[in-house]
């Protein structure tokens, strides 16, 4: 598998490049009540069709809701993925959730025709390290994009994590998958893949539990099979 630090760059480094249309307004957002909105506090909806974390409900909350919750320092844009079509992401560079400083990447859903229109308005775009392309949004399209429904959250805490902390807060995982310099801890009932680096860095990916197999576990296993000698 890829080095876990490369995965961190894929999730957040693109947005930090400054390519996306940057919305740099006062931080704003709602104050987090102490002890609330912590990364291990995940409320799962009926049949795992949705889950709520950081005060946002996957499959229901919009990017506009996220701005109100996480603050107004964010960047937004679309990706042209080689195998998966167009996708929309928002990057919150300096959010505070549950009293923890963190960066978050939110994946969001809009009709394919709306994303195609965004791409047409955006010009040529720029290539990414993975071979995909990324596009910034026009001001008008940015406002429309805020109505997109959040489908997944990637959480990159500033503080260090370790195995004891993960076990204490999340419990034992259903499965562990090793990567270079780290380990994926998989929690299907929470819709969570926690990537823990040997140096204490962490990346947490949340999807509705009903989507866990399709969006998190299967891609990991496929990648493992591809890289196996």
Foldseek 3Di string as FASTA:
>chain_A
DDDVVVVVCVQPVVVVVVQADWFDDWFAADDEDAPPQDALDKAADPPLQWIDGLNAIAPPDFLLVVCNHFGGGKGKWWKQDPPPGIWIKMKDCFGAGNNFTKIKIWTFDDPNVLRVVQVVVFPDAAADPVGIGMGYGDPVSVVVRRRTGTFKMKIWTPDFDDPVNCCVRNNQAPDWDDDVQWIWGHHLCQQWTWTAGVVRTIMIMHGRSVCSVVPPVVVVVVVVVVPDD
